[in-house]
Amino acid sequence: MRVKDEKKYESILNASMEHFMSDGFANASIAKIAKTAGVSPATIYIHFENKEDLISKLYLKIRKEMSEYVLVDVDLEGCIEAAYKKIWQNYYHYCLTYHREFDYIMQFTNSPFSKDYHADYGMCYFSKIYELFDKGKKGKVIKDISDEILFAFTFYPASQLAKRNICCGSKLCDYGVNKACDVAWDAVKMEQVKICYNQK
């Protein structure tokens, strides 16, 4: 039995990203990916069952890395407003900095390959955000609405602003990012919440 090589595994994933984004899922072949990764097609099949498995595992890798970036330096035990705004800003900067990875996630979720997976596929990495929302609802800090709506009003505007910045070639200034974050918070907070406080 051949042992999996972590360096080759990463090389395959990196080459896959390159070809999936430039050629599309349908036209990116295992042979092309293997050549770019500097491995044989047989080596790819040691690590992945088939191209579909490669596509989904790359998606999960990116989701995991995104969650780690979004949650860095977030105090989930402290002020809910501060934690929410830190998450929002981290996500905005992720989309701005790692736009190819974000585009891959969008490509996957809008492709026929995603039909075999549940809508929440890969969202397990964001469980801490669900917990924050639940804590905010119970403490009457965040509106008691579905997590799906909360995620939409939180993350969709941030990603669209980042995409606009990339397309236009200029980033929002810090003031603009903070104001956009404030608007997102205003959309999800309870009306009576006026100040930031610790809700344990």
Protein backbone atom coordinates (compact mmCIF):
# COMPACT_ATOMS: atom_id res chain seq x y z
CA MET A 1 0.00 0.00 0.00
CA ARG A 2 1.43 3.38 -1.03
CA VAL A 3 1.65 6.07 1.67
CA LYS A 4 0.04 9.43 1.01
CA ASP A 5 2.52 12.30 0.63
CA GLU A 6 1.28 15.57 2.19
CA LYS A 7 3.47 17.74 -0.07
CA LYS A 8 2.10 16.04 -3.17
CA TYR A 9 -1.41 16.36 -1.73
CA GLU A 10 -0.99 20.13 -1.41
CA SER A 11 0.58 20.38 -4.87
CA ILE A 12 -2.40 18.56 -6.34
CA LEU A 13 -4.86 20.89 -4.60
CA ASN A 14 -2.95 23.97 -5.76
CA ALA A 15 -2.83 22.71 -9.35
CA SER A 16 -6.52 21.84 -9.15
CA MET A 17 -7.39 25.37 -8.11
CA GLU A 18 -5.46 26.74 -11.07
CA HIS A 19 -7.20 24.50 -13.60
CA PHE A 20 -10.69 24.57 -12.10
CA MET A 21 -10.66 28.36 -12.14
CA SER A 22 -9.12 28.76 -15.60
CA ASP A 23 -10.67 25.78 -17.43
CA GLY A 24 -13.85 25.15 -15.44
CA PHE A 25 -14.78 21.91 -13.72
CA ALA A 26 -15.81 20.13 -16.90
CA ASN A 27 -12.65 20.91 -18.91
CA ALA A 28 -10.07 20.49 -16.14
CA SER A 29 -8.79 16.95 -16.55
CA ILE A 30 -6.86 14.79 -14.12
CA ALA A 31 -4.07 14.59 -16.70
CA LYS A 32 -3.74 18.41 -16.85
CA ILE A 33 -3.82 18.71 -13.07
CA ALA A 34 -1.20 15.98 -12.66
CA LYS A 35 1.15 17.66 -15.14
CA THR A 36 0.88 21.03 -13.37
CA ALA A 37 1.32 19.41 -9.95
CA GLY A 38 4.38 17.48 -11.16
CA VAL A 39 2.90 14.09 -10.30
CA SER A 40 1.47 11.18 -12.24
CA PRO A 41 -2.30 10.75 -12.66
CA ALA A 42 -1.96 7.56 -10.61
CA THR A 43 -0.65 9.62 -7.69
CA ILE A 44 -3.79 11.75 -7.74
CA TYR A 45 -5.89 8.60 -7.38
CA ILE A 46 -3.95 7.67 -4.25
CA HIS A 47 -5.29 10.83 -2.60
CA PHE A 48 -8.66 11.23 -4.30
CA GLU A 49 -11.30 8.80 -5.55
CA ASN A 50 -12.02 10.78 -8.72
CA LYS A 51 -12.27 14.34 -10.03
CA GLU A 52 -15.53 14.94 -8.16
CA ASP A 53 -13.83 13.96 -4.90
CA LEU A 54 -10.99 16.36 -5.69
CA ILE A 55 -13.43 19.17 -6.40
CA SER A 56 -15.30 18.67 -3.13
CA LYS A 57 -12.18 18.26 -0.97
CA LEU A 58 -10.67 21.44 -2.35
CA TYR A 59 -13.95 23.17 -1.51
CA LEU A 60 -13.81 21.89 2.08
CA LYS A 61 -10.17 22.94 2.43
CA ILE A 62 -11.01 26.48 1.37
CA ARG A 63 -14.06 26.61 3.63
CA LYS A 64 -11.93 25.54 6.59
CA GLU A 65 -9.23 28.11 5.83
CA MET A 66 -11.87 30.79 5.39
CA SER A 67 -13.42 30.01 8.77
CA GLU A 68 -10.03 30.20 10.47
CA TYR A 69 -9.38 33.61 8.88
CA VAL A 70 -12.84 34.94 9.73
CA LEU A 71 -12.66 33.87 13.37
CA VAL A 72 -9.10 35.03 14.12
CA ASP A 73 -8.88 37.44 17.09
CA VAL A 74 -12.64 37.21 17.70
CA ASP A 75 -13.64 37.23 21.38
CA LEU A 76 -16.72 35.02 21.31
CA GLU A 77 -17.15 35.22 25.08
CA GLY A 78 -17.23 38.99 25.28
CA CYS A 79 -19.27 41.73 23.66
CA ILE A 80 -21.59 40.33 20.99
CA GLU A 81 -21.54 43.50 18.91
CA ALA A 82 -17.73 43.64 18.94
CA ALA A 83 -17.47 39.95 17.99
CA TYR A 84 -20.01 40.38 15.18
CA LYS A 85 -18.20 43.40 13.74
CA LYS A 86 -14.81 41.70 13.94
CA ILE A 87 -16.21 38.68 12.08
CA TRP A 88 -17.76 40.97 9.43
CA GLN A 89 -14.53 42.86 8.85
CA ASN A 90 -12.44 39.68 8.79
CA TYR A 91 -14.78 38.23 6.16
CA TYR A 92 -14.63 41.40 4.06
CA HIS A 93 -10.83 41.34 4.12
CA TYR A 94 -10.81 37.61 3.32
CA CYS A 95 -12.94 38.16 0.20
CA LEU A 96 -10.68 41.03 -0.80
CA THR A 97 -7.41 39.17 -0.21
CA TYR A 98 -8.40 35.64 -1.23
CA HIS A 99 -10.82 36.46 -4.01
CA ARG A 100 -9.83 33.43 -6.11
CA GLU A 101 -10.66 31.13 -3.23
CA PHE A 102 -13.95 32.94 -2.69
CA ASP A 103 -14.72 32.65 -6.41
CA TYR A 104 -14.02 28.92 -6.18
CA ILE A 105 -16.58 28.55 -3.41
CA MET A 106 -19.14 30.39 -5.54
CA GLN A 107 -18.25 28.27 -8.58
CA PHE A 108 -18.72 25.09 -6.56
CA THR A 109 -22.01 26.08 -4.92
CA ASN A 110 -23.48 27.13 -8.28
CA SER A 111 -22.29 24.06 -10.17
CA PRO A 112 -23.95 20.70 -10.80
CA PHE A 113 -21.26 19.13 -8.60
CA SER A 114 -22.88 20.61 -5.49
CA LYS A 115 -26.18 18.82 -6.11
CA ASP A 116 -24.99 15.74 -4.24
CA TYR A 117 -24.27 17.73 -1.08
CA HIS A 118 -26.49 19.28 1.57
CA ALA A 119 -26.94 23.04 1.44
CA ASP A 120 -24.89 23.38 4.64
CA TYR A 121 -21.97 21.35 3.26
CA GLY A 122 -18.77 22.75 4.73
CA MET A 123 -20.57 25.11 7.11
CA CYS A 124 -19.55 22.97 10.12
CA TYR A 125 -16.40 25.10 10.22
CA PHE A 126 -18.55 28.12 11.03
CA SER A 127 -20.28 26.58 14.07
CA LYS A 128 -18.85 29.32 16.33
CA ILE A 129 -20.74 31.92 14.32
CA TYR A 130 -23.97 29.96 14.70
CA GLU A 131 -23.27 29.86 18.43
CA LEU A 132 -22.74 33.64 18.50
CA PHE A 133 -26.04 34.18 16.70
CA ASP A 134 -27.81 31.85 19.14
CA LYS A 135 -26.26 33.65 22.11
CA GLY A 136 -27.32 36.99 20.65
CA LYS A 137 -30.89 35.82 20.10
CA LYS A 138 -31.22 34.43 23.62
CA GLY A 139 -29.80 37.65 25.06
CA LYS A 140 -32.15 39.73 22.90
CA VAL A 141 -29.18 41.44 21.28
CA ILE A 142 -29.68 39.91 17.81
CA LYS A 143 -33.05 39.57 16.07
CA ASP A 144 -34.73 36.20 16.55
CA ILE A 145 -34.77 35.28 12.87
CA SER A 146 -33.36 32.31 10.98
CA ASP A 147 -29.61 31.84 10.74
CA GLU A 148 -30.01 31.77 6.97
CA ILE A 149 -31.28 35.35 7.01
CA LEU A 150 -28.61 36.44 9.49
CA PHE A 151 -25.87 34.95 7.31
CA ALA A 152 -27.32 36.62 4.21
CA PHE A 153 -27.48 40.10 5.75
CA THR A 154 -24.06 39.67 7.33
CA PHE A 155 -21.90 38.11 4.63
CA TYR A 156 -23.49 38.83 1.26
CA PRO A 157 -23.01 42.63 1.44
CA ALA A 158 -19.39 42.19 2.59
CA SER A 159 -18.55 39.87 -0.31
CA GLN A 160 -20.24 42.13 -2.85
CA LEU A 161 -18.39 45.19 -1.58
CA ALA A 162 -15.11 43.27 -1.80
CA LYS A 163 -15.91 42.15 -5.35
CA ARG A 164 -16.75 45.72 -6.35
CA ASN A 165 -13.47 46.91 -4.87
CA ILE A 166 -11.55 44.28 -6.87
CA CYS A 167 -13.36 45.16 -10.10
CA CYS A 168 -12.93 48.91 -9.64
CA GLY A 169 -9.30 48.61 -8.57
CA SER A 170 -9.67 50.52 -5.31
CA LYS A 171 -10.50 49.48 -1.77
CA LEU A 172 -12.86 51.12 0.65
CA CYS A 173 -11.06 53.31 3.15
CA ASP A 174 -11.14 52.25 6.79
CA TYR A 175 -14.00 54.67 7.44
CA GLY A 176 -16.03 53.14 4.62
CA VAL A 177 -15.41 49.59 5.86
CA ASN A 178 -16.47 50.59 9.38
CA LYS A 179 -19.65 52.28 8.13
CA ALA A 180 -20.57 49.26 6.01
CA CYS A 181 -20.00 47.06 9.05
CA ASP A 182 -22.25 49.33 11.11
CA VAL A 183 -25.01 48.98 8.51
CA ALA A 184 -24.74 45.18 8.67
CA TRP A 185 -24.95 45.26 12.46
CA ASP A 186 -27.96 47.60 12.35
CA ALA A 187 -29.72 45.09 10.10
CA VAL A 188 -29.42 42.20 12.57
CA LYS A 189 -29.45 43.81 16.02
CA MET A 190 -32.55 44.20 18.16
CA GLU A 191 -33.97 47.71 17.96
CA GLN A 192 -33.47 48.46 21.65
CA VAL A 193 -29.76 47.58 21.63
CA LYS A 194 -27.96 50.92 22.00
CA ILE A 195 -24.64 50.02 23.57
CA CYS A 196 -22.18 47.18 23.48
CA TYR A 197 -22.35 44.96 26.54
CA ASN A 198 -21.25 41.54 27.63
CA GLN A 199 -24.00 38.94 27.30
CA LYS A 200 -22.88 35.68 28.90
